[in-house]
Amino acid sequence: MNDAREVVVLRYGHRPGRDDRMTTHVGLTARALGADRVVLPDNAGQSAETVRDITDRFGGPFAVELRDDQEAIVRDFEGVVVHLTMYGERVQDVEAAVREAVGLDEPAVVGEASPPRDLLVVVGGEKVPWALYERADFNVGVTNQPHSEVAGLAVFLDRLFAGAELDREWADADRRVVPEATGKTVVDADRDSADASADAAGESAEADDRD
């Protein structure tokens, strides 16, 4: 999604069996809401395969990696590091600074935008080391209340991209969802939107007649 910079989500820690669903949803949320790549622990192979399968079917580009050197990834990252934690500064207080740091700010004067920089968003699973808090350029909290790390990632990415990620175009998809007020319609990706919507409306009307 991001031509001039890469937005990477790192899932820090994974407990097989216990965290499988949550880790999978971290990857799916990263993909759906504008990140370019997700890095999962090397023991999260099933989650990686699920995210890759969704990308193959519903489009990309989006990359999935399995790595065992998470500490080194954070330490050596040449860009901005954001650590999502309930103990961090409020997202609404630092979002402008984060956007400026990665070059997503809107300059007051044309031509004065900050240069683009890569961004690493760290989402902790099990307890993360204190060194991560110290290494991060921003420790960011969404509500400063206990809740799902998936929810925190979703809110942060939406704030980062200011909603632009919701209109993303997906490449090389095999299928796509037809937005409807009611119903659940998935069609071949190369079908015309108007035809798909008309078919969906017809199917809905037939269902009403049967009722």
N, C-alpha and C. Protein backbone atom coordinates (compact mmCIF):
# COMPACT_ATOMS: atom_id res chain seq x y z
N MET A 1 0.82 -1.21 0.00
CA MET A 1 0.00 0.00 0.00
C MET A 1 0.85 1.25 0.00
N ASN A 2 2.05 1.18 0.56
CA ASN A 2 2.85 2.37 0.80
C ASN A 2 4.03 2.41 -0.16
N ASP A 3 4.00 3.34 -1.11
CA ASP A 3 5.02 3.38 -2.15
C ASP A 3 6.37 3.82 -1.63
N ALA A 4 6.40 4.82 -0.75
CA ALA A 4 7.66 5.43 -0.35
C ALA A 4 8.22 4.87 0.94
N ARG A 5 7.44 4.14 1.67
CA ARG A 5 7.90 3.59 2.95
C ARG A 5 7.29 2.21 3.15
N GLU A 6 7.87 1.46 4.05
CA GLU A 6 7.31 0.15 4.39
C GLU A 6 6.78 0.20 5.82
N VAL A 7 5.56 -0.28 5.99
CA VAL A 7 4.98 -0.42 7.32
C VAL A 7 4.96 -1.90 7.66
N VAL A 8 5.69 -2.26 8.71
CA VAL A 8 5.85 -3.65 9.10
C VAL A 8 5.25 -3.85 10.49
N VAL A 9 4.49 -4.93 10.66
CA VAL A 9 3.95 -5.29 11.97
C VAL A 9 4.71 -6.51 12.47
N LEU A 10 5.23 -6.41 13.68
CA LEU A 10 5.96 -7.51 14.30
C LEU A 10 5.15 -8.05 15.47
N ARG A 11 4.80 -9.32 15.40
CA ARG A 11 4.16 -10.00 16.52
C ARG A 11 5.27 -10.53 17.43
N TYR A 12 5.40 -9.91 18.60
CA TYR A 12 6.50 -10.24 19.51
C TYR A 12 6.03 -11.29 20.51
N GLY A 13 6.41 -12.54 20.26
CA GLY A 13 6.05 -13.64 21.16
C GLY A 13 4.81 -14.37 20.69
N HIS A 14 4.84 -15.71 20.86
CA HIS A 14 3.70 -16.54 20.46
C HIS A 14 3.74 -17.83 21.26
N ARG A 15 2.60 -18.18 21.86
CA ARG A 15 2.48 -19.44 22.60
C ARG A 15 1.60 -20.38 21.79
N PRO A 16 2.21 -21.41 21.16
CA PRO A 16 1.43 -22.32 20.32
C PRO A 16 0.27 -22.93 21.09
N GLY A 17 -0.87 -23.01 20.41
CA GLY A 17 -2.06 -23.55 21.06
C GLY A 17 -2.86 -22.48 21.75
N ARG A 18 -2.20 -21.67 22.54
CA ARG A 18 -2.89 -20.62 23.29
C ARG A 18 -3.10 -19.35 22.47
N ASP A 19 -2.11 -18.98 21.66
CA ASP A 19 -2.15 -17.70 20.93
C ASP A 19 -2.44 -17.84 19.44
N ASP A 20 -2.75 -19.05 18.98
CA ASP A 20 -2.87 -19.26 17.53
C ASP A 20 -3.88 -18.32 16.88
N ARG A 21 -5.06 -18.23 17.45
CA ARG A 21 -6.10 -17.40 16.85
C ARG A 21 -5.72 -15.92 16.91
N MET A 22 -5.17 -15.48 18.06
CA MET A 22 -4.83 -14.07 18.21
C MET A 22 -3.70 -13.68 17.26
N THR A 23 -2.70 -14.52 17.13
CA THR A 23 -1.59 -14.22 16.22
C THR A 23 -2.07 -14.17 14.77
N THR A 24 -2.95 -15.09 14.40
CA THR A 24 -3.53 -15.06 13.06
C THR A 24 -4.25 -13.74 12.82
N HIS A 25 -5.02 -13.29 13.80
CA HIS A 25 -5.78 -12.06 13.64
C HIS A 25 -4.88 -10.82 13.62
N VAL A 26 -3.75 -10.88 14.29
CA VAL A 26 -2.78 -9.79 14.15
C VAL A 26 -2.33 -9.68 12.70
N GLY A 27 -2.02 -10.81 12.09
CA GLY A 27 -1.60 -10.81 10.69
C GLY A 27 -2.69 -10.35 9.75
N LEU A 28 -3.91 -10.82 9.95
CA LEU A 28 -5.02 -10.43 9.08
C LEU A 28 -5.35 -8.95 9.23
N THR A 29 -5.28 -8.45 10.44
CA THR A 29 -5.55 -7.03 10.68
C THR A 29 -4.47 -6.16 10.05
N ALA A 30 -3.22 -6.57 10.19
CA ALA A 30 -2.13 -5.84 9.56
C ALA A 30 -2.35 -5.74 8.06
N ARG A 31 -2.72 -6.85 7.44
CA ARG A 31 -2.96 -6.87 6.00
C ARG A 31 -4.14 -5.98 5.62
N ALA A 32 -5.26 -6.14 6.30
CA ALA A 32 -6.48 -5.45 5.91
C ALA A 32 -6.40 -3.95 6.12
N LEU A 33 -5.59 -3.50 7.08
CA LEU A 33 -5.59 -2.09 7.45
C LEU A 33 -4.30 -1.36 7.07
N GLY A 34 -3.63 -1.83 6.02
CA GLY A 34 -2.63 -0.98 5.41
C GLY A 34 -1.17 -1.32 5.57
N ALA A 35 -0.81 -2.30 6.41
CA ALA A 35 0.60 -2.66 6.55
C ALA A 35 1.06 -3.39 5.28
N ASP A 36 2.36 -3.39 5.07
CA ASP A 36 2.95 -4.06 3.90
C ASP A 36 3.44 -5.47 4.21
N ARG A 37 3.73 -5.70 5.49
CA ARG A 37 4.35 -6.98 5.85
C ARG A 37 4.09 -7.27 7.31
N VAL A 38 3.96 -8.55 7.65
CA VAL A 38 3.89 -8.96 9.05
C VAL A 38 5.00 -9.96 9.30
N VAL A 39 5.65 -9.83 10.45
CA VAL A 39 6.69 -10.76 10.87
C VAL A 39 6.18 -11.50 12.10
N LEU A 40 6.09 -12.82 12.00
CA LEU A 40 5.59 -13.65 13.09
C LEU A 40 6.73 -14.49 13.65
N PRO A 41 6.62 -14.91 14.92
CA PRO A 41 7.63 -15.81 15.48
C PRO A 41 7.70 -17.11 14.69
N ASP A 42 8.85 -17.75 14.70
CA ASP A 42 9.03 -18.94 13.88
C ASP A 42 8.20 -20.13 14.33
N ASN A 43 7.59 -20.05 15.53
CA ASN A 43 6.73 -21.15 15.98
C ASN A 43 5.26 -20.88 15.68
N ALA A 44 4.98 -19.89 14.82
CA ALA A 44 3.60 -19.53 14.46
C ALA A 44 3.33 -19.88 13.00
N GLY A 45 3.79 -21.04 12.58
CA GLY A 45 3.67 -21.43 11.19
C GLY A 45 2.24 -21.54 10.69
N GLN A 46 1.34 -22.05 11.53
CA GLN A 46 -0.04 -22.20 11.11
C GLN A 46 -0.69 -20.84 10.87
N SER A 47 -0.40 -19.89 11.74
CA SER A 47 -0.93 -18.54 11.55
C SER A 47 -0.40 -17.94 10.26
N ALA A 48 0.87 -18.15 9.98
CA ALA A 48 1.47 -17.62 8.75
C ALA A 48 0.79 -18.19 7.52
N GLU A 49 0.51 -19.49 7.53
CA GLU A 49 -0.13 -20.12 6.38
C GLU A 49 -1.54 -19.59 6.18
N THR A 50 -2.26 -19.33 7.26
CA THR A 50 -3.62 -18.80 7.14
C THR A 50 -3.60 -17.41 6.51
N VAL A 51 -2.68 -16.55 6.96
CA VAL A 51 -2.61 -15.19 6.42
C VAL A 51 -2.18 -15.24 4.95
N ARG A 52 -1.26 -16.10 4.60
CA ARG A 52 -0.85 -16.24 3.20
C ARG A 52 -2.01 -16.71 2.34
N ASP A 53 -2.79 -17.65 2.85
CA ASP A 53 -3.92 -18.16 2.09
C ASP A 53 -4.95 -17.05 1.84
N ILE A 54 -5.23 -16.24 2.84
CA ILE A 54 -6.17 -15.13 2.67
C ILE A 54 -5.63 -14.14 1.63
N THR A 55 -4.33 -13.88 1.68
CA THR A 55 -3.73 -12.95 0.72
C THR A 55 -3.82 -13.51 -0.70
N ASP A 56 -3.59 -14.81 -0.86
CA ASP A 56 -3.70 -15.43 -2.18
C ASP A 56 -5.12 -15.32 -2.72
N ARG A 57 -6.12 -15.45 -1.84
CA ARG A 57 -7.51 -15.44 -2.30
C ARG A 57 -8.09 -14.04 -2.46
N PHE A 58 -7.75 -13.15 -1.53
CA PHE A 58 -8.39 -11.84 -1.53
C PHE A 58 -7.48 -10.69 -1.97
N GLY A 59 -6.23 -10.99 -2.29
CA GLY A 59 -5.37 -9.99 -2.90
C GLY A 59 -4.32 -9.41 -1.98
N GLY A 60 -3.40 -8.70 -2.58
CA GLY A 60 -2.29 -8.08 -1.89
C GLY A 60 -1.91 -6.78 -2.57
N PRO A 61 -0.63 -6.44 -2.58
CA PRO A 61 0.49 -7.24 -2.03
C PRO A 61 0.56 -7.18 -0.52
N PHE A 62 0.99 -8.30 0.06
CA PHE A 62 1.22 -8.37 1.50
C PHE A 62 2.13 -9.56 1.75
N ALA A 63 3.19 -9.34 2.53
CA ALA A 63 4.19 -10.39 2.78
C ALA A 63 4.08 -10.90 4.22
N VAL A 64 4.35 -12.18 4.40
CA VAL A 64 4.34 -12.82 5.71
C VAL A 64 5.68 -13.51 5.91
N GLU A 65 6.32 -13.21 7.04
CA GLU A 65 7.61 -13.83 7.35
C GLU A 65 7.54 -14.53 8.69
N LEU A 66 8.35 -15.59 8.82
CA LEU A 66 8.57 -16.27 10.09
C LEU A 66 10.03 -16.04 10.48
N ARG A 67 10.25 -15.47 11.65
CA ARG A 67 11.62 -15.16 12.10
C ARG A 67 11.77 -15.56 13.57
N ASP A 68 12.99 -15.95 13.94
CA ASP A 68 13.26 -16.32 15.32
C ASP A 68 14.12 -15.28 16.04
N ASP A 69 14.41 -14.17 15.36
CA ASP A 69 15.31 -13.16 15.93
C ASP A 69 14.57 -11.85 16.18
N GLN A 70 13.47 -11.93 16.91
CA GLN A 70 12.63 -10.75 17.10
C GLN A 70 13.36 -9.62 17.81
N GLU A 71 14.14 -9.96 18.79
CA GLU A 71 14.88 -8.93 19.52
C GLU A 71 15.82 -8.18 18.59
N ALA A 72 16.49 -8.91 17.70
CA ALA A 72 17.41 -8.28 16.76
C ALA A 72 16.65 -7.44 15.73
N ILE A 73 15.48 -7.88 15.32
CA ILE A 73 14.68 -7.10 14.37
C ILE A 73 14.38 -5.72 14.94
N VAL A 74 13.95 -5.70 16.19
CA VAL A 74 13.63 -4.42 16.84
C VAL A 74 14.89 -3.59 17.01
N ARG A 75 15.95 -4.21 17.50
CA ARG A 75 17.20 -3.48 17.80
C ARG A 75 17.79 -2.86 16.55
N ASP A 76 17.75 -3.59 15.43
CA ASP A 76 18.47 -3.15 14.23
C ASP A 76 17.58 -2.45 13.21
N PHE A 77 16.32 -2.23 13.52
CA PHE A 77 15.42 -1.63 12.55
C PHE A 77 15.84 -0.21 12.22
N GLU A 78 15.98 0.08 10.93
CA GLU A 78 16.42 1.41 10.49
C GLU A 78 15.21 2.25 10.10
N GLY A 79 14.47 2.65 11.09
CA GLY A 79 13.28 3.44 10.87
C GLY A 79 12.67 3.78 12.21
N VAL A 80 11.38 4.04 12.22
CA VAL A 80 10.66 4.41 13.43
C VAL A 80 10.05 3.15 14.04
N VAL A 81 10.22 2.98 15.35
CA VAL A 81 9.66 1.83 16.06
C VAL A 81 8.54 2.31 16.98
N VAL A 82 7.36 1.75 16.79
CA VAL A 82 6.21 2.01 17.66
C VAL A 82 5.86 0.72 18.38
N HIS A 83 5.81 0.78 19.70
CA HIS A 83 5.43 -0.36 20.52
C HIS A 83 4.04 -0.10 21.08
N LEU A 84 3.08 -0.97 20.73
CA LEU A 84 1.72 -0.82 21.24
C LEU A 84 1.61 -1.50 22.60
N THR A 85 1.29 -0.73 23.62
CA THR A 85 1.18 -1.23 24.98
C THR A 85 0.17 -0.39 25.74
N MET A 86 -0.60 -1.02 26.62
CA MET A 86 -1.60 -0.26 27.37
C MET A 86 -0.97 0.77 28.30
N TYR A 87 0.35 0.66 28.52
CA TYR A 87 1.04 1.59 29.41
C TYR A 87 1.64 2.79 28.67
N GLY A 88 1.46 2.82 27.34
CA GLY A 88 2.08 3.87 26.56
C GLY A 88 1.32 5.18 26.57
N GLU A 89 1.90 6.17 25.89
CA GLU A 89 1.22 7.46 25.75
C GLU A 89 -0.04 7.27 24.92
N ARG A 90 -1.05 8.10 25.19
CA ARG A 90 -2.32 7.96 24.50
C ARG A 90 -2.16 8.19 23.00
N VAL A 91 -2.78 7.31 22.22
CA VAL A 91 -2.61 7.40 20.77
C VAL A 91 -3.06 8.75 20.24
N GLN A 92 -4.10 9.32 20.82
CA GLN A 92 -4.59 10.60 20.34
C GLN A 92 -3.62 11.74 20.65
N ASP A 93 -2.72 11.51 21.60
CA ASP A 93 -1.74 12.55 21.95
C ASP A 93 -0.48 12.47 21.09
N VAL A 94 -0.18 11.30 20.53
CA VAL A 94 1.08 11.14 19.81
C VAL A 94 0.92 10.81 18.33
N GLU A 95 -0.31 10.62 17.86
CA GLU A 95 -0.49 10.21 16.46
C GLU A 95 0.11 11.21 15.48
N ALA A 96 -0.01 12.51 15.78
CA ALA A 96 0.55 13.51 14.87
C ALA A 96 2.07 13.41 14.82
N ALA A 97 2.69 13.15 15.97
CA ALA A 97 4.15 13.01 16.02
C ALA A 97 4.60 11.76 15.28
N VAL A 98 3.84 10.69 15.39
CA VAL A 98 4.19 9.46 14.67
C VAL A 98 4.07 9.69 13.17
N ARG A 99 2.99 10.31 12.74
CA ARG A 99 2.79 10.56 11.32
C ARG A 99 3.90 11.46 10.76
N GLU A 100 4.30 12.45 11.53
CA GLU A 100 5.40 13.31 11.10
C GLU A 100 6.71 12.54 11.02
N ALA A 101 6.94 11.65 11.99
CA ALA A 101 8.20 10.89 12.04
C ALA A 101 8.37 9.99 10.82
N VAL A 102 7.25 9.47 10.29
CA VAL A 102 7.34 8.57 9.14
C VAL A 102 7.00 9.26 7.83
N GLY A 103 6.75 10.56 7.88
CA GLY A 103 6.49 11.32 6.66
C GLY A 103 5.09 11.21 6.13
N LEU A 104 4.13 10.98 7.02
CA LEU A 104 2.73 10.93 6.61
C LEU A 104 1.97 12.19 7.03
N ASP A 105 2.68 13.18 7.51
CA ASP A 105 2.02 14.41 7.96
C ASP A 105 1.66 15.27 6.75
N GLU A 106 0.75 16.17 6.97
CA GLU A 106 0.35 17.12 5.94
C GLU A 106 1.03 18.46 6.24
N PRO A 107 1.97 18.87 5.39
CA PRO A 107 2.73 20.08 5.68
C PRO A 107 1.88 21.34 5.60
N ALA A 108 2.22 22.31 6.44
CA ALA A 108 1.52 23.59 6.39
C ALA A 108 1.87 24.34 5.11
N VAL A 109 3.07 24.09 4.60
CA VAL A 109 3.53 24.72 3.36
C VAL A 109 3.87 23.63 2.35
N VAL A 110 3.42 23.77 1.14
CA VAL A 110 3.68 22.76 0.11
C VAL A 110 5.18 22.52 -0.03
N GLY A 111 5.56 21.24 -0.04
CA GLY A 111 6.97 20.89 -0.21
C GLY A 111 7.73 20.72 1.09
N GLU A 112 7.06 20.92 2.23
CA GLU A 112 7.76 20.82 3.51
C GLU A 112 7.38 19.56 4.29
N ALA A 113 6.82 18.57 3.64
CA ALA A 113 6.48 17.31 4.32
C ALA A 113 7.75 16.61 4.78
N SER A 114 7.65 15.88 5.88
CA SER A 114 8.78 15.12 6.38
C SER A 114 9.12 14.00 5.41
N PRO A 115 10.41 13.64 5.29
CA PRO A 115 10.78 12.56 4.37
C PRO A 115 10.22 11.23 4.86
N PRO A 116 9.86 10.34 3.93
CA PRO A 116 9.28 9.05 4.34
C PRO A 116 10.31 8.17 5.03
N ARG A 117 9.88 7.50 6.10
CA ARG A 117 10.73 6.54 6.81
C ARG A 117 9.92 5.27 7.07
N ASP A 118 10.60 4.14 7.09
CA ASP A 118 9.93 2.88 7.39
C ASP A 118 9.45 2.88 8.83
N LEU A 119 8.40 2.09 9.06
CA LEU A 119 7.79 2.01 10.40
C LEU A 119 7.65 0.56 10.82
N LEU A 120 8.08 0.26 12.03
CA LEU A 120 7.89 -1.05 12.64
C LEU A 120 6.91 -0.90 13.79
N VAL A 121 5.78 -1.61 13.70
CA VAL A 121 4.77 -1.60 14.76
C VAL A 121 4.86 -2.92 15.51
N VAL A 122 5.22 -2.86 16.78
CA VAL A 122 5.43 -4.07 17.57
C VAL A 122 4.19 -4.34 18.41
N VAL A 123 3.65 -5.55 18.26
CA VAL A 123 2.47 -5.98 19.00
C VAL A 123 2.89 -7.15 19.89
N GLY A 124 2.91 -6.94 21.18
CA GLY A 124 3.37 -7.96 22.10
C GLY A 124 2.36 -9.07 22.31
N GLY A 125 2.86 -10.28 22.51
CA GLY A 125 2.02 -11.41 22.89
C GLY A 125 2.22 -11.68 24.36
N GLU A 126 3.14 -12.60 24.66
CA GLU A 126 3.52 -12.81 26.04
C GLU A 126 4.34 -11.61 26.52
N LYS A 127 4.75 -11.64 27.76
CA LYS A 127 5.44 -10.49 28.35
C LYS A 127 6.65 -10.09 27.51
N VAL A 128 6.74 -8.79 27.18
CA VAL A 128 7.86 -8.31 26.38
C VAL A 128 8.96 -7.76 27.27
N PRO A 129 10.21 -7.80 26.84
CA PRO A 129 11.31 -7.33 27.67
C PRO A 129 11.29 -5.82 27.83
N TRP A 130 11.84 -5.34 28.93
CA TRP A 130 11.89 -3.90 29.19
C TRP A 130 12.69 -3.17 28.13
N ALA A 131 13.66 -3.87 27.54
CA ALA A 131 14.48 -3.26 26.50
C ALA A 131 13.64 -2.78 25.32
N LEU A 132 12.50 -3.42 25.07
CA LEU A 132 11.63 -3.00 23.99
C LEU A 132 11.04 -1.62 24.28
N TYR A 133 10.64 -1.39 25.53
CA TYR A 133 10.12 -0.08 25.92
C TYR A 133 11.18 1.00 25.71
N GLU A 134 12.42 0.66 26.01
CA GLU A 134 13.50 1.64 25.89
C GLU A 134 13.90 1.87 24.43
N ARG A 135 13.84 0.83 23.61
CA ARG A 135 14.24 0.96 22.20
C ARG A 135 13.18 1.70 21.39
N ALA A 136 11.92 1.54 21.72
CA ALA A 136 10.85 2.11 20.91
C ALA A 136 10.96 3.64 20.86
N ASP A 137 10.70 4.18 19.68
CA ASP A 137 10.62 5.63 19.56
C ASP A 137 9.33 6.15 20.18
N PHE A 138 8.29 5.31 20.12
CA PHE A 138 7.00 5.66 20.72
C PHE A 138 6.42 4.41 21.38
N ASN A 139 6.09 4.51 22.66
CA ASN A 139 5.26 3.51 23.33
C ASN A 139 3.85 4.08 23.35
N VAL A 140 2.93 3.39 22.65
CA VAL A 140 1.61 3.97 22.38
C VAL A 140 0.52 3.09 22.99
N GLY A 141 -0.39 3.73 23.72
CA GLY A 141 -1.52 3.04 24.31
C GLY A 141 -2.83 3.46 23.66
N VAL A 142 -3.67 2.48 23.37
CA VAL A 142 -5.01 2.74 22.86
C VAL A 142 -5.97 2.53 24.02
N THR A 143 -6.41 3.61 24.63
CA THR A 143 -7.32 3.69 25.80
C THR A 143 -6.62 3.48 27.13
N ASN A 144 -5.38 2.95 27.17
CA ASN A 144 -4.70 2.63 28.42
C ASN A 144 -5.52 1.70 29.29
N GLN A 145 -6.32 0.85 28.65
CA GLN A 145 -7.14 -0.14 29.33
C GLN A 145 -6.82 -1.53 28.79
N PRO A 146 -7.02 -2.56 29.62
CA PRO A 146 -6.79 -3.92 29.11
C PRO A 146 -7.79 -4.26 28.00
N HIS A 147 -7.29 -4.72 26.88
CA HIS A 147 -8.15 -5.18 25.79
C HIS A 147 -7.29 -5.96 24.80
N SER A 148 -7.87 -6.37 23.71
CA SER A 148 -7.18 -7.18 22.71
C SER A 148 -6.11 -6.37 21.98
N GLU A 149 -4.95 -6.99 21.78
CA GLU A 149 -3.91 -6.34 21.01
C GLU A 149 -4.31 -6.16 19.55
N VAL A 150 -5.24 -6.99 19.08
CA VAL A 150 -5.74 -6.83 17.72
C VAL A 150 -6.52 -5.52 17.59
N ALA A 151 -7.34 -5.22 18.59
CA ALA A 151 -8.08 -3.96 18.59
C ALA A 151 -7.13 -2.78 18.62
N GLY A 152 -6.09 -2.86 19.44
CA GLY A 152 -5.12 -1.78 19.51
C GLY A 152 -4.42 -1.56 18.18
N LEU A 153 -4.05 -2.65 17.50
CA LEU A 153 -3.39 -2.54 16.20
C LEU A 153 -4.32 -1.90 15.18
N ALA A 154 -5.58 -2.31 15.17
CA ALA A 154 -6.55 -1.77 14.21
C ALA A 154 -6.73 -0.26 14.40
N VAL A 155 -6.91 0.16 15.65
CA VAL A 155 -7.10 1.59 15.91
C VAL A 155 -5.85 2.37 15.52
N PHE A 156 -4.68 1.84 15.88
CA PHE A 156 -3.45 2.56 15.56
C PHE A 156 -3.27 2.73 14.05
N LEU A 157 -3.45 1.65 13.28
CA LEU A 157 -3.25 1.74 11.84
C LEU A 157 -4.26 2.69 11.20
N ASP A 158 -5.48 2.68 11.68
CA ASP A 158 -6.47 3.59 11.13
C ASP A 158 -6.10 5.05 11.43
N ARG A 159 -5.59 5.31 12.62
CA ARG A 159 -5.13 6.66 12.95
C ARG A 159 -3.91 7.04 12.11
N LEU A 160 -3.02 6.08 11.90
CA LEU A 160 -1.81 6.34 11.13
C LEU A 160 -2.15 6.77 9.71
N PHE A 161 -3.05 6.03 9.07
CA PHE A 161 -3.38 6.29 7.67
C PHE A 161 -4.57 7.22 7.50
N ALA A 162 -5.14 7.68 8.60
CA ALA A 162 -6.27 8.61 8.56
C ALA A 162 -7.42 8.10 7.70
N GLY A 163 -7.66 6.80 7.75
CA GLY A 163 -8.78 6.21 7.03
C GLY A 163 -8.51 5.87 5.58
N ALA A 164 -7.37 6.30 5.03
CA ALA A 164 -7.09 6.05 3.61
C ALA A 164 -6.99 4.56 3.30
N GLU A 165 -6.60 3.75 4.30
CA GLU A 165 -6.45 2.31 4.08
C GLU A 165 -7.77 1.63 3.76
N LEU A 166 -8.89 2.26 4.12
CA LEU A 166 -10.20 1.65 3.90
C LEU A 166 -10.59 1.64 2.42
N ASP A 167 -9.94 2.46 1.62
CA ASP A 167 -10.22 2.53 0.18
C ASP A 167 -9.14 1.86 -0.66
N ARG A 168 -8.35 1.03 -0.04
CA ARG A 168 -7.25 0.39 -0.75
C ARG A 168 -7.75 -0.50 -1.89
N GLU A 169 -7.00 -0.52 -2.99
CA GLU A 169 -7.26 -1.43 -4.10
C GLU A 169 -6.38 -2.67 -3.92
N TRP A 170 -6.96 -3.86 -4.14
CA TRP A 170 -6.24 -5.11 -3.93
C TRP A 170 -5.87 -5.74 -5.27
N ALA A 171 -4.63 -6.16 -5.40
CA ALA A 171 -4.13 -6.73 -6.64
C ALA A 171 -4.09 -8.25 -6.56
N ASP A 172 -4.28 -8.89 -7.73
CA ASP A 172 -4.12 -10.35 -7.88
C ASP A 172 -5.05 -11.14 -6.98
N ALA A 173 -6.25 -10.62 -6.76
CA ALA A 173 -7.23 -11.34 -5.94
C ALA A 173 -7.98 -12.36 -6.79
N ASP A 174 -8.33 -13.48 -6.18
CA ASP A 174 -9.18 -14.46 -6.85
C ASP A 174 -10.66 -14.18 -6.61
N ARG A 175 -10.96 -13.55 -5.50
CA ARG A 175 -12.35 -13.28 -5.15
C ARG A 175 -12.46 -11.98 -4.37
N ARG A 176 -13.65 -11.46 -4.29
CA ARG A 176 -13.89 -10.25 -3.52
C ARG A 176 -15.30 -10.27 -2.96
N VAL A 177 -15.49 -9.52 -1.92
CA VAL A 177 -16.79 -9.40 -1.27
C VAL A 177 -17.57 -8.26 -1.91
N VAL A 178 -18.85 -8.48 -2.17
CA VAL A 178 -19.74 -7.44 -2.67
C VAL A 178 -20.41 -6.78 -1.47
N PRO A 179 -20.14 -5.49 -1.22
CA PRO A 179 -20.75 -4.83 -0.06
C PRO A 179 -22.28 -4.76 -0.20
N GLU A 180 -22.98 -5.17 0.85
CA GLU A 180 -24.45 -5.19 0.83
C GLU A 180 -24.98 -4.79 2.20
N ALA A 181 -26.18 -4.26 2.20
CA ALA A 181 -26.84 -3.97 3.48
C ALA A 181 -27.19 -5.24 4.21
N THR A 182 -27.59 -6.28 3.46
CA THR A 182 -27.82 -7.61 4.02
C THR A 182 -27.29 -8.62 3.02
N GLY A 183 -27.01 -9.81 3.49
CA GLY A 183 -26.51 -10.84 2.61
C GLY A 183 -25.01 -11.03 2.72
N LYS A 184 -24.53 -12.11 2.13
CA LYS A 184 -23.11 -12.43 2.15
C LYS A 184 -22.73 -12.93 0.76
N THR A 185 -22.21 -12.04 -0.07
CA THR A 185 -21.91 -12.38 -1.45
C THR A 185 -20.43 -12.23 -1.73
N VAL A 186 -19.82 -13.32 -2.19
CA VAL A 186 -18.42 -13.32 -2.62
C VAL A 186 -18.39 -13.77 -4.07
N VAL A 187 -17.69 -13.02 -4.92
CA VAL A 187 -17.68 -13.31 -6.36
C VAL A 187 -16.25 -13.39 -6.86
N ASP A 188 -16.08 -13.86 -8.09
CA ASP A 188 -14.77 -13.84 -8.72
C ASP A 188 -14.28 -12.40 -8.82
N ALA A 189 -13.02 -12.18 -8.58
CA ALA A 189 -12.49 -10.82 -8.52
C ALA A 189 -12.59 -10.09 -9.84
N ASP A 190 -12.62 -10.81 -10.97
CA ASP A 190 -12.64 -10.13 -12.26
C ASP A 190 -14.05 -9.82 -12.75
N ARG A 191 -15.07 -10.09 -11.94
CA ARG A 191 -16.43 -9.77 -12.34
C ARG A 191 -16.70 -8.29 -12.18
N ASP A 192 -17.50 -7.74 -13.07
CA ASP A 192 -17.87 -6.34 -13.00
C ASP A 192 -18.69 -6.06 -11.74
N SER A 193 -18.38 -4.95 -11.06
CA SER A 193 -19.05 -4.62 -9.81
C SER A 193 -20.56 -4.48 -9.99
N ALA A 194 -21.00 -3.85 -11.08
CA ALA A 194 -22.43 -3.65 -11.31
C ALA A 194 -23.14 -4.98 -11.50
N ASP A 195 -22.51 -5.90 -12.28
CA ASP A 195 -23.13 -7.21 -12.49
C ASP A 195 -23.22 -7.98 -11.19
N ALA A 196 -22.16 -7.93 -10.40
CA ALA A 196 -22.16 -8.65 -9.13
C ALA A 196 -23.23 -8.12 -8.19
N SER A 197 -23.37 -6.79 -8.14
CA SER A 197 -24.37 -6.19 -7.27
C SER A 197 -25.78 -6.55 -7.73
N ALA A 198 -25.99 -6.57 -9.06
CA ALA A 198 -27.31 -6.93 -9.59
C ALA A 198 -27.65 -8.38 -9.28
N ASP A 199 -26.65 -9.27 -9.42
CA ASP A 199 -26.89 -10.67 -9.09
C ASP A 199 -27.21 -10.84 -7.62
N ALA A 200 -26.48 -10.11 -6.77
CA ALA A 200 -26.73 -10.20 -5.34
C ALA A 200 -28.13 -9.72 -5.00
N ALA A 201 -28.56 -8.62 -5.65
CA ALA A 201 -29.90 -8.10 -5.40
C ALA A 201 -30.95 -9.10 -5.86
N GLY A 202 -30.70 -9.75 -7.00
CA GLY A 202 -31.64 -10.75 -7.48
C GLY A 202 -31.75 -11.93 -6.56
N GLU A 203 -30.62 -12.39 -6.05
CA GLU A 203 -30.64 -13.51 -5.11
C GLU A 203 -31.39 -13.14 -3.84
N SER A 204 -31.22 -11.89 -3.38
CA SER A 204 -31.92 -11.44 -2.18
C SER A 204 -33.41 -11.41 -2.41
N ALA A 205 -33.83 -10.93 -3.60
CA ALA A 205 -35.26 -10.87 -3.91
C ALA A 205 -35.86 -12.26 -3.99
N GLU A 206 -35.13 -13.21 -4.58
CA GLU A 206 -35.61 -14.58 -4.66
C GLU A 206 -35.78 -15.17 -3.28
N ALA A 207 -34.85 -14.86 -2.39
CA ALA A 207 -34.96 -15.36 -1.01
C ALA A 207 -36.19 -14.79 -0.33
N ASP A 208 -36.50 -13.49 -0.59
CA ASP A 208 -37.67 -12.88 0.01
C ASP A 208 -38.94 -13.52 -0.50
N ASP A 209 -38.94 -13.86 -1.82
CA ASP A 209 -40.13 -14.49 -2.40
C ASP A 209 -40.36 -15.87 -1.79
N ARG A 210 -39.29 -16.59 -1.55
CA ARG A 210 -39.42 -17.91 -0.95
C ARG A 210 -39.98 -17.83 0.45
N ASP A 211 -39.59 -16.76 1.17
CA ASP A 211 -40.11 -16.59 2.52
C ASP A 211 -41.60 -16.28 2.50
